[in-house]
N, C-alpha and C. Protein backbone atom coordinates (compact mmCIF):
# COMPACT_ATOMS: atom_id res chain seq x y z
N MET A 1 -3.24 -12.46 0.53
CA MET A 1 -3.55 -12.49 -0.79
C MET A 1 -4.47 -14.26 -0.04
N PRO A 2 -6.08 -13.55 -0.47
CA PRO A 2 -6.57 -14.67 -0.01
C PRO A 2 -6.24 -16.21 0.06
N ALA A 3 -6.07 -16.57 -1.21
CA ALA A 3 -5.24 -18.08 -1.37
C ALA A 3 -4.12 -18.84 -0.27
N GLU A 4 -3.63 -17.65 0.88
CA GLU A 4 -2.61 -18.16 1.84
C GLU A 4 -3.46 -18.50 2.94
N PHE A 5 -5.42 -18.20 2.74
CA PHE A 5 -5.62 -18.18 4.52
C PHE A 5 -7.19 -18.72 3.98
N PRO A 6 -7.05 -19.99 4.71
CA PRO A 6 -8.71 -21.13 3.86
C PRO A 6 -9.87 -20.18 3.91
N GLU A 7 -10.30 -19.90 5.14
CA GLU A 7 -11.44 -19.27 5.40
C GLU A 7 -11.62 -18.13 4.46
N LEU A 8 -10.39 -17.31 4.34
CA LEU A 8 -10.86 -16.21 3.53
C LEU A 8 -10.97 -16.07 2.02
N ALA A 9 -10.06 -17.28 2.06
CA ALA A 9 -10.30 -17.68 0.57
C ALA A 9 -11.76 -18.08 0.01
N MET A 10 -12.71 -18.49 0.76
CA MET A 10 -13.51 -19.24 0.73
C MET A 10 -14.60 -18.65 1.25
N LEU A 11 -14.46 -17.44 1.67
CA LEU A 11 -15.11 -16.26 1.83
C LEU A 11 -15.36 -14.87 0.36
N ALA A 12 -14.06 -15.11 -0.06
CA ALA A 12 -13.81 -13.95 -1.06
C ALA A 12 -14.29 -15.31 -2.65
N TRP A 13 -14.88 -15.86 -2.48
CA TRP A 13 -14.92 -16.85 -4.04
C TRP A 13 -14.71 -16.90 -5.01
N ASN A 14 -15.81 -15.22 -4.78
CA ASN A 14 -15.59 -15.10 -6.56
C ASN A 14 -14.70 -13.57 -6.80
N ARG A 15 -13.26 -13.86 -6.10
CA ARG A 15 -12.12 -13.22 -6.36
C ARG A 15 -11.56 -14.05 -7.03
N ASN A 16 -10.60 -12.76 -7.31
CA ASN A 16 -9.22 -14.16 -7.65
C ASN A 16 -8.38 -13.76 -6.65
N PRO A 17 -7.95 -15.17 -6.17
CA PRO A 17 -7.30 -15.73 -4.95
C PRO A 17 -6.21 -15.18 -4.67
N GLU A 18 -5.55 -14.86 -5.97
CA GLU A 18 -4.32 -14.45 -6.25
C GLU A 18 -3.99 -12.46 -5.53
N ARG A 19 -5.00 -12.29 -6.00
CA ARG A 19 -4.91 -10.63 -5.63
C ARG A 19 -5.37 -10.12 -4.60
N PRO A 20 -4.29 -9.62 -3.79
CA PRO A 20 -4.11 -9.11 -2.64
C PRO A 20 -5.59 -8.67 -2.42
N ILE A 21 -5.90 -8.57 -0.95
CA ILE A 21 -7.28 -7.90 -0.63
C ILE A 21 -6.87 -6.87 0.42
N PRO A 22 -6.79 -5.66 0.47
CA PRO A 22 -6.68 -4.23 1.61
C PRO A 22 -7.20 -4.95 2.13
N GLY A 23 -6.58 -4.16 4.30
CA GLY A 23 -6.54 -4.95 4.81
C GLY A 23 -8.74 -4.90 5.71
N GLU A 24 -9.26 -3.60 5.32
CA GLU A 24 -10.18 -3.24 5.97
C GLU A 24 -10.98 -3.78 4.89
N GLU A 25 -11.16 -3.98 3.63
CA GLU A 25 -12.12 -4.49 2.76
C GLU A 25 -11.96 -6.19 3.24
N ALA A 26 -10.77 -6.88 3.96
CA ALA A 26 -10.54 -8.05 4.05
C ALA A 26 -11.30 -8.05 5.55
N LEU A 27 -11.74 -7.28 6.42
CA LEU A 27 -11.97 -7.23 8.08
C LEU A 27 -13.33 -7.08 7.73
N ALA A 28 -13.97 -6.48 6.13
CA ALA A 28 -15.28 -6.65 6.39
C ALA A 28 -15.82 -7.76 5.81
N LEU A 29 -14.87 -8.21 4.81
CA LEU A 29 -15.61 -9.78 4.66
C LEU A 29 -16.10 -10.80 5.97
N TYR A 30 -14.67 -10.93 6.68
CA TYR A 30 -15.08 -11.98 7.76
C TYR A 30 -16.13 -11.12 9.15
N GLU A 31 -16.62 -9.58 8.78
CA GLU A 31 -17.10 -9.27 9.46
C GLU A 31 -18.71 -9.87 8.91
N ARG A 32 -19.04 -9.21 7.74
CA ARG A 32 -19.77 -9.49 7.10
C ARG A 32 -20.39 -10.91 7.22
N ASN A 33 -19.52 -11.99 7.38
CA ASN A 33 -19.57 -13.49 6.89
C ASN A 33 -19.26 -14.46 7.99
N TRP A 34 -19.00 -13.70 8.89
CA TRP A 34 -18.57 -14.13 10.02
C TRP A 34 -19.22 -16.05 9.96
N ARG A 35 -20.41 -15.90 10.12
CA ARG A 35 -21.88 -17.04 9.95
C ARG A 35 -20.93 -18.50 9.36
N HIS A 36 -20.12 -18.60 8.44
CA HIS A 36 -19.35 -18.95 7.42
C HIS A 36 -18.46 -19.23 8.16
N VAL A 37 -18.01 -18.65 8.30
CA VAL A 37 -15.97 -19.14 8.70
C VAL A 37 -15.88 -20.21 9.76
N ASP A 38 -15.48 -21.75 9.62
CA ASP A 38 -15.57 -22.45 10.27
C ASP A 38 -14.22 -22.28 11.39
N LYS A 39 -14.47 -21.59 12.41
CA LYS A 39 -13.99 -21.19 14.22
C LYS A 39 -12.71 -22.64 13.75
N ASP A 40 -13.52 -23.86 13.83
CA ASP A 40 -12.68 -24.38 14.60
C ASP A 40 -11.24 -24.83 13.52
N HIS A 41 -11.11 -24.98 12.51
CA HIS A 41 -10.31 -25.29 11.46
C HIS A 41 -9.68 -23.98 11.05
N LEU A 42 -9.84 -22.55 11.34
CA LEU A 42 -9.07 -21.91 11.41
C LEU A 42 -7.37 -22.19 11.72
N THR A 43 -6.53 -21.83 11.10
CA THR A 43 -5.01 -21.71 10.72
C THR A 43 -4.78 -21.12 11.94
N LEU A 44 -3.50 -21.22 12.93
CA LEU A 44 -2.80 -20.13 13.95
C LEU A 44 -2.48 -18.64 13.37
N ARG A 45 -1.95 -18.73 12.18
CA ARG A 45 -1.67 -17.64 11.11
C ARG A 45 -3.05 -17.04 10.10
N GLU A 46 -3.99 -17.68 10.32
CA GLU A 46 -5.15 -16.82 9.93
C GLU A 46 -5.95 -16.54 11.23
N ALA A 47 -5.95 -16.75 12.22
CA ALA A 47 -5.97 -16.52 13.61
C ALA A 47 -6.01 -14.95 13.76
N GLU A 48 -4.34 -15.49 13.80
CA GLU A 48 -3.37 -13.87 14.33
C GLU A 48 -3.61 -12.77 13.06
N LEU A 49 -4.15 -13.03 11.88
CA LEU A 49 -4.41 -12.66 10.37
C LEU A 49 -5.77 -11.39 11.35
N ILE A 50 -6.63 -11.98 11.43
CA ILE A 50 -7.72 -11.35 11.82
C ILE A 50 -7.74 -10.79 13.46
N HIS A 51 -6.98 -10.90 13.85
CA HIS A 51 -6.56 -10.35 15.51
C HIS A 51 -5.72 -9.37 14.91
N GLU A 52 -5.01 -9.16 14.08
CA GLU A 52 -4.29 -7.91 13.55
C GLU A 52 -5.27 -6.92 12.91
N LEU A 53 -5.96 -7.94 11.68
CA LEU A 53 -6.87 -6.84 11.22
C LEU A 53 -7.73 -6.06 12.29
N ALA A 54 -8.62 -6.80 12.87
CA ALA A 54 -9.18 -6.20 14.03
C ALA A 54 -8.84 -5.01 14.83
N GLU A 55 -7.24 -5.32 14.90
CA GLU A 55 -7.11 -4.50 16.08
C GLU A 55 -6.64 -2.92 15.42
N GLU A 56 -6.37 -3.09 14.13
CA GLU A 56 -5.45 -1.96 13.16
C GLU A 56 -6.90 -1.38 12.18
N PHE A 57 -7.46 -2.18 12.29
CA PHE A 57 -8.93 -1.52 11.31
C PHE A 57 -10.36 -1.22 12.06
N GLY A 58 -10.49 -2.21 13.12
CA GLY A 58 -11.81 -2.17 13.94
C GLY A 58 -11.74 -1.76 14.84
N ASN A 59 -10.71 -0.97 15.48
CA ASN A 59 -10.26 -0.84 17.10
C ASN A 59 -10.79 -1.55 18.40
N GLY A 60 -10.04 -2.94 18.25
CA GLY A 60 -9.60 -3.83 18.85
C GLY A 60 -10.75 -4.91 18.57
N TYR A 61 -11.73 -4.23 17.53
CA TYR A 61 -12.90 -5.56 17.98
C TYR A 61 -13.36 -6.27 16.55
N LEU A 62 -13.64 -7.72 16.75
CA LEU A 62 -13.96 -8.40 15.31
C LEU A 62 -15.83 -8.07 15.55
N LEU A 63 -16.52 -7.46 15.22
CA LEU A 63 -17.40 -7.32 14.79
C LEU A 63 -18.85 -8.31 13.93
N ALA A 64 -18.35 -9.61 14.66
CA ALA A 64 -18.74 -11.07 14.42
C ALA A 64 -20.56 -11.37 14.34
N SER A 65 -21.39 -11.33 13.99
CA SER A 65 -22.52 -11.64 14.62
C SER A 65 -22.72 -13.52 14.52
């Protein structure tokens, strides 16, 4: 759920934060909006989530610009 991950919640501002987002969609949100993610304030849990999403849906890569 986005509510459990501060940066994902910020990226999904126009969605219900209590509604789960499919993993592939969450990775796409991070990748498209990486420039808005405050990397210095990522929680360890959220950093692990991003890594896991990249491993599972991104062939091990986060395509961030």
